[in-house]
C-alpha atoms as a PDB file:
ATOM      1  CA  MET A   1     -20.038  13.225 -10.571  1.00  0.00           C
ATOM      2  CA  GLU A   2     -18.113  16.477 -10.709  1.00  0.00           C
ATOM      3  CA  LYS A   3     -14.502  16.857  -9.617  1.00  0.00           C
ATOM      4  CA  LYS A   4     -14.136  19.842  -7.317  1.00  0.00           C
ATOM      5  CA  ALA A   5     -11.243  21.526  -5.495  1.00  0.00           C
ATOM      6  CA  LEU A   6      -7.942  19.832  -4.742  1.00  0.00           C
ATOM      7  CA  LEU A   7      -8.141  18.621  -1.164  1.00  0.00           C
ATOM      8  CA  TYR A   8      -4.654  17.190  -0.733  1.00  0.00           C
ATOM      9  CA  GLU A   9      -1.530  16.474  -2.742  1.00  0.00           C
ATOM     10  CA  GLY A  10       0.929  13.878  -1.513  1.00  0.00           C
ATOM     11  CA  LYS A  11       4.079  12.309  -2.894  1.00  0.00           C
ATOM     12  CA  ALA A  12       2.257   9.903  -5.189  1.00  0.00           C
ATOM     13  CA  LYS A  13      -1.369  11.053  -5.388  1.00  0.00           C
ATOM     14  CA  LYS A  14      -3.710  14.010  -5.581  1.00  0.00           C
ATOM     15  CA  VAL A  15      -7.080  13.899  -3.828  1.00  0.00           C
ATOM     16  CA  TYR A  16     -10.028  15.978  -5.004  1.00  0.00           C
ATOM     17  CA  MET A  17     -13.362  16.772  -3.458  1.00  0.00           C
ATOM     18  CA  THR A  18     -16.521  15.981  -5.444  1.00  0.00           C
ATOM     19  CA  ASP A  19     -20.094  17.214  -5.524  1.00  0.00           C
ATOM     20  CA  GLU A  20     -21.190  14.034  -3.718  1.00  0.00           C
ATOM     21  CA  GLU A  21     -20.949  13.726   0.041  1.00  0.00           C
ATOM     22  CA  ASN A  22     -18.333  11.307   1.360  1.00  0.00           C
ATOM     23  CA  LYS A  23     -16.870  10.627  -2.083  1.00  0.00           C
ATOM     24  CA  LEU A  24     -13.415  11.716  -3.252  1.00  0.00           C
ATOM     25  CA  ILE A  25     -11.435  11.306  -6.452  1.00  0.00           C
ATOM     26  CA  VAL A  26      -7.875  10.025  -6.167  1.00  0.00           C
ATOM     27  CA  SER A  27      -5.515  10.819  -9.049  1.00  0.00           C
ATOM     28  CA  TYR A  28      -2.266   8.841  -9.243  1.00  0.00           C
ATOM     29  CA  LYS A  29       0.957  10.616 -10.251  1.00  0.00           C
ATOM     30  CA  ASP A  30       4.132   9.375 -11.925  1.00  0.00           C
ATOM     31  CA  ASP A  31       6.278  11.154  -9.325  1.00  0.00           C
ATOM     32  CA  ALA A  32       8.468   8.871  -7.234  1.00  0.00           C
ATOM     33  CA  THR A  33      10.166   9.584  -3.924  1.00  0.00           C
ATOM     34  CA  ALA A  34      12.268   7.557  -1.514  1.00  0.00           C
ATOM     35  CA  PHE A  35      13.956   7.996   1.857  1.00  0.00           C
ATOM     36  CA  ASN A  36      11.295  10.436   3.139  1.00  0.00           C
ATOM     37  CA  GLY A  37      11.533  12.572   0.025  1.00  0.00           C
ATOM     38  CA  ALA A  38      15.337  12.775  -0.095  1.00  0.00           C
ATOM     39  CA  LYS A  39      15.352  11.040  -3.469  1.00  0.00           C
ATOM     40  CA  LYS A  40      12.954  12.203  -6.164  1.00  0.00           C
ATOM     41  CA  GLY A  41      12.238  11.161  -9.720  1.00  0.00           C
ATOM     42  CA  VAL A  42       9.596  10.134 -12.218  1.00  0.00           C
ATOM     43  CA  ILE A  43       8.591   6.592 -13.170  1.00  0.00           C
ATOM     44  CA  GLU A  44       6.818   6.694 -16.514  1.00  0.00           C
ATOM     45  CA  ALA A  45       3.196   5.417 -16.328  1.00  0.00           C
ATOM     46  CA  LYS A  46       3.577   4.576 -12.632  1.00  0.00           C
ATOM     47  CA  GLY A  47       0.316   6.367 -11.871  1.00  0.00           C
ATOM     48  CA  ILE A  48      -1.554   4.233 -14.383  1.00  0.00           C
ATOM     49  CA  VAL A  49      -0.097   0.983 -13.036  1.00  0.00           C
ATOM     50  CA  ASN A  50      -0.679   1.887  -9.387  1.00  0.00           C
ATOM     51  CA  ASN A  51      -4.240   3.012 -10.019  1.00  0.00           C
ATOM     52  CA  ARG A  52      -5.160  -0.178 -11.826  1.00  0.00           C
ATOM     53  CA  LEU A  53      -3.276  -2.517  -9.499  1.00  0.00           C
ATOM     54  CA  SER A  54      -4.552  -0.929  -6.310  1.00  0.00           C
ATOM     55  CA  ASN A  55      -8.134  -1.159  -7.552  1.00  0.00           C
ATOM     56  CA  TYR A  56      -7.525  -4.737  -8.658  1.00  0.00           C
ATOM     57  CA  PHE A  57      -6.283  -5.718  -5.212  1.00  0.00           C
ATOM     58  CA  MET A  58      -9.018  -3.773  -3.388  1.00  0.00           C
ATOM     59  CA  LYS A  59     -11.748  -5.512  -5.366  1.00  0.00           C
ATOM     60  CA  MET A  60     -10.136  -8.902  -4.757  1.00  0.00           C
ATOM     61  CA  LEU A  61      -9.873  -8.234  -1.021  1.00  0.00           C
ATOM     62  CA  GLU A  62     -13.505  -7.203  -0.819  1.00  0.00           C
ATOM     63  CA  THR A  63     -14.439 -10.682  -2.059  1.00  0.00           C
ATOM     64  CA  LYS A  64     -12.503 -11.965   0.964  1.00  0.00           C
ATOM     65  CA  GLY A  65     -14.534  -9.843   3.384  1.00  0.00           C
ATOM     66  CA  ILE A  66     -12.078  -6.944   3.769  1.00  0.00           C
ATOM     67  CA  PRO A  67     -13.937  -3.602   3.545  1.00  0.00           C
ATOM     68  CA  THR A  68     -12.110  -0.995   1.430  1.00  0.00           C
ATOM     69  CA  HIS A  69     -12.542   2.590   0.300  1.00  0.00           C
ATOM     70  CA  PHE A  70     -12.798   1.605  -3.387  1.00  0.00           C
ATOM     71  CA  ILE A  71     -15.951   2.709  -5.207  1.00  0.00           C
ATOM     72  CA  GLU A  72     -15.282   3.079  -8.936  1.00  0.00           C
ATOM     73  CA  GLU A  73     -12.394   3.392 -11.371  1.00  0.00           C
ATOM     74  CA  LEU A  74     -12.992   6.428 -13.588  1.00  0.00           C
ATOM     75  CA  ASN A  75     -10.071   6.192 -16.006  1.00  0.00           C
ATOM     76  CA  ASP A  76      -6.402   5.187 -16.223  1.00  0.00           C
ATOM     77  CA  ARG A  77      -5.336   7.439 -13.368  1.00  0.00           C
ATOM     78  CA  GLU A  78      -8.464   8.355 -11.374  1.00  0.00           C
ATOM     79  CA  THR A  79     -10.627   6.435  -8.949  1.00  0.00           C
ATOM     80  CA  VAL A  80     -13.613   7.328  -6.780  1.00  0.00           C
ATOM     81  CA  VAL A  81     -13.115   6.347  -3.156  1.00  0.00           C
ATOM     82  CA  GLU A  82     -15.069   6.692   0.042  1.00  0.00           C
ATOM     83  CA  LYS A  83     -13.960   9.603   2.181  1.00  0.00           C
ATOM     84  CA  VAL A  84     -12.300   8.473   5.396  1.00  0.00           C
ATOM     85  CA  THR A  85     -10.323   9.935   8.242  1.00  0.00           C
ATOM     86  CA  ILE A  86      -6.951   8.231   7.931  1.00  0.00           C
ATOM     87  CA  ILE A  87      -5.689   6.571  11.097  1.00  0.00           C
ATOM     88  CA  PRO A  88      -2.088   7.859  11.345  1.00  0.00           C
ATOM     89  CA  LEU A  89      -0.513   4.411  11.302  1.00  0.00           C
ATOM     90  CA  GLU A  90       1.530   2.665   8.666  1.00  0.00           C
ATOM     91  CA  VAL A  91       0.732  -1.015   9.156  1.00  0.00           C
ATOM     92  CA  ILE A  92       3.639  -3.122   7.888  1.00  0.00           C
ATOM     93  CA  VAL A  93       3.462  -6.883   7.369  1.00  0.00           C
ATOM     94  CA  ARG A  94       6.675  -8.814   6.708  1.00  0.00           C
ATOM     95  CA  ASN A  95       6.996 -12.379   5.442  1.00  0.00           C
ATOM     96  CA  PHE A  96      10.689 -12.172   4.529  1.00  0.00           C
ATOM     97  CA  ALA A  97      13.557 -10.045   5.786  1.00  0.00           C
ATOM     98  CA  ALA A  98      14.178  -7.045   3.531  1.00  0.00           C
ATOM     99  CA  GLY A  99      14.896  -3.335   3.679  1.00  0.00           C
ATOM    100  CA  SER A 100      15.024  -1.792   7.127  1.00  0.00           C
ATOM    101  CA  LEU A 101      14.274  -5.081   8.900  1.00  0.00           C
ATOM    102  CA  SER A 102      17.392  -6.681   7.422  1.00  0.00           C
ATOM    103  CA  LYS A 103      19.480  -3.730   8.619  1.00  0.00           C
ATOM    104  CA  ARG A 104      17.969  -3.585  12.098  1.00  0.00           C
ATOM    105  CA  LEU A 105      18.232  -7.307  12.844  1.00  0.00           C
ATOM    106  CA  GLY A 106      21.243  -8.234  10.741  1.00  0.00           C
ATOM    107  CA  LEU A 107      19.272 -10.708   8.650  1.00  0.00           C
ATOM    108  CA  GLU A 108      20.245 -11.506   5.094  1.00  0.00           C
ATOM    109  CA  GLU A 109      17.742 -10.001   2.692  1.00  0.00           C
ATOM    110  CA  GLY A 110      15.373 -12.658   1.433  1.00  0.00           C
ATOM    111  CA  THR A 111      15.449 -14.736   4.620  1.00  0.00           C
ATOM    112  CA  ARG A 112      12.023 -16.283   5.188  1.00  0.00           C
ATOM    113  CA  LEU A 113      10.839 -15.324   8.669  1.00  0.00           C
ATOM    114  CA  ASN A 114       9.777 -18.114  11.025  1.00  0.00           C
ATOM    115  CA  LYS A 115       6.676 -16.071  11.841  1.00  0.00           C
ATOM    116  CA  THR A 116       5.018 -13.214   9.972  1.00  0.00           C
ATOM    117  CA  VAL A 117       5.996  -9.890  11.558  1.00  0.00           C
ATOM    118  CA  LEU A 118       3.549  -7.032  12.113  1.00  0.00           C
ATOM    119  CA  GLU A 119       4.949  -3.532  12.703  1.00  0.00           C
ATOM    120  CA  TYR A 120       3.448  -0.080  13.164  1.00  0.00           C
ATOM    121  CA  SER A 121       4.933   3.263  12.213  1.00  0.00           C
ATOM    122  CA  TYR A 122       3.549   6.607  13.321  1.00  0.00           C
ATOM    123  CA  LYS A 123       2.501   8.348  10.105  1.00  0.00           C
ATOM    124  CA  ASN A 124       4.320  11.651  10.523  1.00  0.00           C
ATOM    125  CA  ASP A 125       6.747  12.891   7.855  1.00  0.00           C
ATOM    126  CA  GLU A 126       8.343  15.483  10.140  1.00  0.00           C
ATOM    127  CA  LEU A 127       9.329  12.751  12.587  1.00  0.00           C
ATOM    128  CA  GLY A 128      10.383  10.331   9.845  1.00  0.00           C
ATOM    129  CA  ASP A 129       7.506   7.895  10.453  1.00  0.00           C
ATOM    130  CA  PRO A 130       9.041   6.329  13.594  1.00  0.00           C
ATOM    131  CA  MET A 131       8.251   2.769  14.564  1.00  0.00           C
ATOM    132  CA  ILE A 132       5.875   2.551  17.523  1.00  0.00           C
ATOM    133  CA  ASN A 133       4.214  -0.230  19.496  1.00  0.00           C
ATOM    134  CA  ASP A 134       0.772  -0.825  21.001  1.00  0.00           C
ATOM    135  CA  TYR A 135       1.560   1.196  24.118  1.00  0.00           C
ATOM    136  CA  HIS A 136       2.584   4.236  22.085  1.00  0.00           C
ATOM    137  CA  ILE A 137      -0.589   3.922  20.018  1.00  0.00           C
ATOM    138  CA  PHE A 138      -2.786   3.879  23.105  1.00  0.00           C
ATOM    139  CA  ALA A 139      -0.797   6.653  24.800  1.00  0.00           C
ATOM    140  CA  LEU A 140      -1.153   8.891  21.739  1.00  0.00           C
ATOM    141  CA  ASP A 141      -4.852   7.996  21.436  1.00  0.00           C
ATOM    142  CA  ILE A 142      -4.328   6.915  17.826  1.00  0.00           C
ATOM    143  CA  ALA A 143      -6.617   3.914  18.209  1.00  0.00           C
ATOM    144  CA  THR A 144      -8.400   1.959  20.932  1.00  0.00           C
ATOM    145  CA  LYS A 145      -7.474  -1.622  21.766  1.00  0.00           C
ATOM    146  CA  GLU A 146     -10.585  -2.846  19.967  1.00  0.00           C
ATOM    147  CA  GLU A 147      -9.709  -0.817  16.874  1.00  0.00           C
ATOM    148  CA  LEU A 148      -6.118  -2.012  16.885  1.00  0.00           C
ATOM    149  CA  ASP A 149      -7.262  -5.617  17.257  1.00  0.00           C
ATOM    150  CA  MET A 150      -9.435  -5.137  14.172  1.00  0.00           C
ATOM    151  CA  ILE A 151      -6.585  -3.534  12.212  1.00  0.00           C
ATOM    152  CA  GLU A 152      -4.298  -6.416  13.164  1.00  0.00           C
ATOM    153  CA  ALA A 153      -6.854  -9.015  12.111  1.00  0.00           C
ATOM    154  CA  TYR A 154      -7.433  -7.257   8.784  1.00  0.00           C
ATOM    155  CA  ALA A 155      -3.673  -6.965   8.172  1.00  0.00           C
ATOM    156  CA  PHE A 156      -3.092 -10.705   8.551  1.00  0.00           C
ATOM    157  CA  ARG A 157      -6.137 -11.540   6.416  1.00  0.00           C
ATOM    158  CA  ILE A 158      -4.881  -9.170   3.715  1.00  0.00           C
ATOM    159  CA  ASN A 159      -1.486 -10.864   3.857  1.00  0.00           C
ATOM    160  CA  GLU A 160      -3.021 -14.310   3.501  1.00  0.00           C
ATOM    161  CA  ALA A 161      -5.185 -13.276   0.552  1.00  0.00           C
ATOM    162  CA  LEU A 162      -2.466 -11.336  -1.285  1.00  0.00           C
ATOM    163  CA  THR A 163       0.150 -14.048  -0.759  1.00  0.00           C
ATOM    164  CA  ALA A 164      -2.082 -16.774  -2.164  1.00  0.00           C
ATOM    165  CA  HIS A 165      -3.218 -14.655  -5.108  1.00  0.00           C
ATOM    166  CA  LEU A 166       0.298 -13.568  -6.073  1.00  0.00           C
ATOM    167  CA  GLU A 167       1.668 -17.097  -5.815  1.00  0.00           C
ATOM    168  CA  GLU A 168      -0.591 -17.990  -8.752  1.00  0.00           C
ATOM    169  CA  VAL A 169       1.465 -15.655 -10.983  1.00  0.00           C
ATOM    170  CA  ASN A 170       4.870 -16.612  -9.499  1.00  0.00           C
ATOM    171  CA  ILE A 171       5.260 -13.467  -7.404  1.00  0.00           C
ATOM    172  CA  GLU A 172       6.495 -13.671  -3.809  1.00  0.00           C
ATOM    173  CA  LEU A 173       5.000 -11.139  -1.391  1.00  0.00           C
ATOM    174  CA  ILE A 174       8.033 -10.115   0.655  1.00  0.00           C
ATOM    175  CA  ASP A 175       6.360  -7.384   2.711  1.00  0.00           C
ATOM    176  CA  PHE A 176       3.862  -4.553   2.366  1.00  0.00           C
ATOM    177  CA  LYS A 177       2.483  -1.421   3.974  1.00  0.00           C
ATOM    178  CA  VAL A 178      -1.204  -0.575   4.270  1.00  0.00           C
ATOM    179  CA  GLU A 179      -3.229   2.194   5.876  1.00  0.00           C
ATOM    180  CA  PHE A 180      -6.711   2.224   7.329  1.00  0.00           C
ATOM    181  CA  GLY A 181      -9.293   4.940   7.784  1.00  0.00           C
ATOM    182  CA  LYS A 182     -12.582   5.574   9.518  1.00  0.00           C
ATOM    183  CA  THR A 183     -15.735   6.291   7.549  1.00  0.00           C
ATOM    184  CA  SER A 184     -18.309   8.892   8.582  1.00  0.00           C
ATOM    185  CA  LYS A 185     -20.095   6.053  10.390  1.00  0.00           C
ATOM    186  CA  GLY A 186     -16.972   5.073  12.307  1.00  0.00           C
ATOM    187  CA  GLN A 187     -16.248   1.879  10.362  1.00  0.00           C
ATOM    188  CA  ILE A 188     -12.589   0.958   9.907  1.00  0.00           C
ATOM    189  CA  ILE A 189     -11.775   0.159   6.275  1.00  0.00           C
ATOM    190  CA  LEU A 190      -8.695  -0.365   4.135  1.00  0.00           C
ATOM    191  CA  ALA A 191      -7.629   2.877   2.428  1.00  0.00           C
ATOM    192  CA  ASP A 192      -4.657   4.412   0.565  1.00  0.00           C
ATOM    193  CA  GLU A 193      -3.231   1.941  -2.007  1.00  0.00           C
ATOM    194  CA  ILE A 194      -1.706  -1.478  -2.614  1.00  0.00           C
ATOM    195  CA  SER A 195       0.893  -1.307  -5.384  1.00  0.00           C
ATOM    196  CA  PRO A 196       4.595  -1.755  -6.213  1.00  0.00           C
ATOM    197  CA  ASP A 197       5.073   1.545  -4.340  1.00  0.00           C
ATOM    198  CA  THR A 198       3.839   0.024  -1.075  1.00  0.00           C
ATOM    199  CA  CYS A 199       4.772  -3.656  -1.450  1.00  0.00           C
ATOM    200  CA  ARG A 200       7.886  -5.669  -2.129  1.00  0.00           C
ATOM    201  CA  PHE A 201       7.174  -8.055  -4.987  1.00  0.00           C
ATOM    202  CA  TRP A 202       9.865 -10.551  -6.042  1.00  0.00           C
ATOM    203  CA  ASP A 203       9.766 -13.003  -8.897  1.00  0.00           C
ATOM    204  CA  ALA A 204       9.277 -16.349  -7.169  1.00  0.00           C
ATOM    205  CA  ILE A 205      11.840 -18.103  -9.380  1.00  0.00           C
ATOM    206  CA  THR A 206      14.589 -15.551 -10.007  1.00  0.00           C
ATOM    207  CA  ASN A 207      14.087 -13.250  -6.967  1.00  0.00           C
ATOM    208  CA  LYS A 208      14.078 -10.264  -9.327  1.00  0.00           C
ATOM    209  CA  LYS A 209      12.654  -7.234  -7.571  1.00  0.00           C
ATOM    210  CA  LEU A 210       9.439  -5.998  -9.185  1.00  0.00           C
ATOM    211  CA  ASP A 211       8.767  -2.973  -7.014  1.00  0.00           C
ATOM    212  CA  LYS A 212       9.932   0.447  -5.850  1.00  0.00           C
ATOM    213  CA  ASP A 213      13.255  -0.936  -4.615  1.00  0.00           C
ATOM    214  CA  ARG A 214      14.396  -0.761  -8.223  1.00  0.00           C
ATOM    215  CA  PHE A 215      14.021   3.030  -7.958  1.00  0.00           C
ATOM    216  CA  ARG A 216      15.385   3.284  -4.417  1.00  0.00           C
ATOM    217  CA  ARG A 217      18.508   1.294  -5.249  1.00  0.00           C
ATOM    218  CA  ASN A 218      19.100   2.472  -8.819  1.00  0.00           C
ATOM    219  CA  LEU A 219      18.620  -1.036 -10.205  1.00  0.00           C
ATOM    220  CA  GLY A 220      17.141   0.119 -13.499  1.00  0.00           C
ATOM    221  CA  ASP A 221      14.161  -1.291 -15.438  1.00  0.00           C
ATOM    222  CA  VAL A 222      11.777   0.356 -12.974  1.00  0.00           C
ATOM    223  CA  GLU A 223       8.950   0.964 -15.448  1.00  0.00           C
ATOM    224  CA  ASP A 224       9.238  -2.578 -16.827  1.00  0.00           C
ATOM    225  CA  ALA A 225       9.048  -4.072 -13.328  1.00  0.00           C
ATOM    226  CA  TYR A 226       5.840  -2.198 -12.477  1.00  0.00           C
ATOM    227  CA  GLN A 227       4.311  -3.198 -15.814  1.00  0.00           C
ATOM    228  CA  GLU A 228       5.368  -6.811 -15.275  1.00  0.00           C
ATOM    229  CA  VAL A 229       3.347  -7.107 -12.070  1.00  0.00           C
ATOM    230  CA  MET A 230       0.252  -5.644 -13.707  1.00  0.00           C
ATOM    231  CA  ASN A 231       0.601  -7.723 -16.848  1.00  0.00           C
ATOM    232  CA  ARG A 232       0.960 -10.991 -14.962  1.00  0.00           C
ATOM    233  CA  LEU A 233      -2.160 -10.346 -12.892  1.00  0.00           C
ATOM    234  CA  LEU A 234      -4.332  -9.093 -15.746  1.00  0.00           C
ATOM    235  CA  VAL A 235      -3.297 -11.928 -18.077  1.00  0.00           C
ATOM    236  CA  HIS A 236      -3.898 -14.405 -15.262  1.00  0.00           C
ATOM    237  CA  ASP A 237      -7.458 -13.182 -14.819  1.00  0.00           C
ATOM    238  CA  ASN A 238      -8.185 -13.291 -18.539  1.00  0.00           C
END
């Protein structure tokens, strides 16, 4: 497979075309941003960790019946994925109060929610990714009711699988964001990434944050936290 022209460069990844139809190469960067790009920095080896972890989680989820865009890991930073049209929704699943939810509802961070919360944000940087509901989604023709029902079902199944898997290595899944896309055949599959950039991971015993909040909040030990998540999972599997 030959890497071709750069198709897209985002905050955390570059996406390249290839000489094979419906296959792209994703290259993970060490660049880090927060607050819609207002804060910028570099987390050493973040791209390597996120590439490996995202692929790890994608492969695990496929064993649970969740279709993903993952095809093949090429090297430390690059992965072949199926080309999809991204549905412009950030699908957020929350098991505990943290971040913006704590601020909006006045809940102490770390409060276990009585019921898992599902939220949608309109994926639009210029608008600041505003939160929207089902009616907005249908009004904007982002997805049909049947498609949204499928996305919702996948989101809760992903949460169940990730939560159980992470509990085995003493990591609490506080919340996470995922994105979905449509293949050339119209199938909805999990896309983008699952990593410390897109999830809140806390040590189940100490509540130490093992995710991007360490960068957002200037908590230090950012690189070590990312590595810790990867090391626990890889050692666990070996």
